[in-house]
């Protein structure tokens, strides 16, 4: 099935659209979800959603954007700390 996909649905070009132009990549991905297997679908949707949310952040006011980035950073640090604690508990 991988060989029969059009050029814009191949891995490299889809990543390009999702990273460089997130709205276009998201539209391409959502309109062609049935053409991907479940694992690919989840991977592409995760990347597209993360890149789209970062892209939307640039339209927020600077002060609010700072708080959102701080919240994201706090979640990532908290997640890392929890993983370290779980490893030491085993």
Protein backbone atom coordinates (compact mmCIF):
# COMPACT_ATOMS: atom_id res chain seq x y z
CA UNK A 1 0.00 0.00 0.00
CA UNK A 2 2.97 2.32 0.66
CA UNK A 3 3.96 2.43 -3.03
CA UNK A 4 0.48 3.43 -4.20
CA UNK A 5 0.29 6.64 -2.16
CA UNK A 6 0.53 9.96 -4.02
CA UNK A 7 3.67 12.05 -3.51
CA UNK A 8 2.08 14.37 -0.95
CA UNK A 9 1.17 11.42 1.32
CA UNK A 10 4.63 9.89 1.43
CA UNK A 11 6.52 10.15 4.70
CA UNK A 12 9.02 12.87 3.80
CA UNK A 13 6.61 15.23 2.10
CA UNK A 14 3.95 14.79 4.78
CA UNK A 15 6.48 15.61 7.51
CA UNK A 16 7.57 18.62 5.47
CA UNK A 17 4.00 19.92 5.25
CA UNK A 18 3.34 19.28 8.95
CA UNK A 19 6.53 21.01 10.13
CA UNK A 20 6.89 23.90 7.65
CA UNK A 21 3.22 24.69 6.94
CA UNK A 22 1.17 23.09 9.75
CA UNK A 23 -2.33 24.16 8.57
CA UNK A 24 -1.77 22.71 5.10
CA UNK A 25 -0.22 19.55 6.53
CA UNK A 26 -3.08 19.09 8.97
CA UNK A 27 -5.68 19.49 6.22
CA UNK A 28 -3.86 16.99 3.98
CA UNK A 29 -3.53 14.53 6.84
CA UNK A 30 -7.10 14.74 8.12
CA UNK A 31 -8.61 14.51 4.65
CA UNK A 32 -6.61 11.32 3.91
CA UNK A 33 -6.69 9.50 7.27
CA UNK A 34 -8.27 6.35 5.86
CA UNK A 35 -5.27 5.77 3.60
CA UNK A 36 -2.93 5.16 6.57
CA UNK A 37 -2.63 2.26 8.95
CA UNK A 38 -3.52 2.84 12.59
CA UNK A 39 0.06 3.29 13.86
CA UNK A 40 0.95 5.70 11.05
CA UNK A 41 -2.26 7.62 11.65
CA UNK A 42 -1.45 8.12 15.35
CA UNK A 43 2.15 9.17 14.62
CA UNK A 44 1.19 11.66 11.93
CA UNK A 45 -1.67 13.11 13.97
CA UNK A 46 0.59 13.55 16.99
CA UNK A 47 3.24 15.41 15.02
CA UNK A 48 0.68 17.49 13.14
CA UNK A 49 -1.16 18.44 16.34
CA UNK A 50 2.02 19.43 18.17
CA UNK A 51 3.28 21.51 15.26
CA UNK A 52 -0.12 23.11 14.76
CA UNK A 53 -0.34 24.09 18.43
CA UNK A 54 3.14 25.64 18.31
CA UNK A 55 2.19 27.49 15.13
CA UNK A 56 -1.00 28.85 16.74
CA UNK A 57 1.00 30.07 19.76
CA UNK A 58 2.64 32.76 17.66
CA UNK A 59 -0.72 34.51 17.32
CA UNK A 60 -1.13 34.90 21.08
CA UNK A 61 -0.04 38.06 22.89
CA UNK A 62 3.54 37.88 24.17
CA UNK A 63 2.62 37.72 27.85
CA UNK A 64 0.08 34.94 27.37
CA UNK A 65 2.47 33.07 25.11
CA UNK A 66 5.08 33.18 27.89
CA UNK A 67 2.63 31.56 30.32
CA UNK A 68 1.68 28.86 27.84
CA UNK A 69 5.35 28.01 27.15
CA UNK A 70 6.02 27.96 30.89
CA UNK A 71 3.12 25.56 31.39
CA UNK A 72 4.38 23.27 28.61
CA UNK A 73 7.89 23.32 30.09
CA UNK A 74 6.52 22.52 33.56
CA UNK A 75 4.63 19.52 32.16
CA UNK A 76 7.73 18.21 30.37
CA UNK A 77 9.91 18.61 33.45
CA UNK A 78 7.27 17.00 35.66
CA UNK A 79 6.97 14.08 33.28
CA UNK A 80 10.74 13.59 33.28
CA UNK A 81 10.90 13.71 37.08
CA UNK A 82 8.10 11.15 37.36
CA UNK A 83 9.92 8.79 34.98
CA UNK A 84 13.11 9.09 37.05
CA UNK A 85 11.20 8.41 40.27
CA UNK A 86 9.52 5.34 38.74
CA UNK A 87 12.88 3.96 37.59
CA UNK A 88 14.42 4.37 41.05
CA UNK A 89 11.40 2.69 42.64
CA UNK A 90 11.93 -0.53 40.67
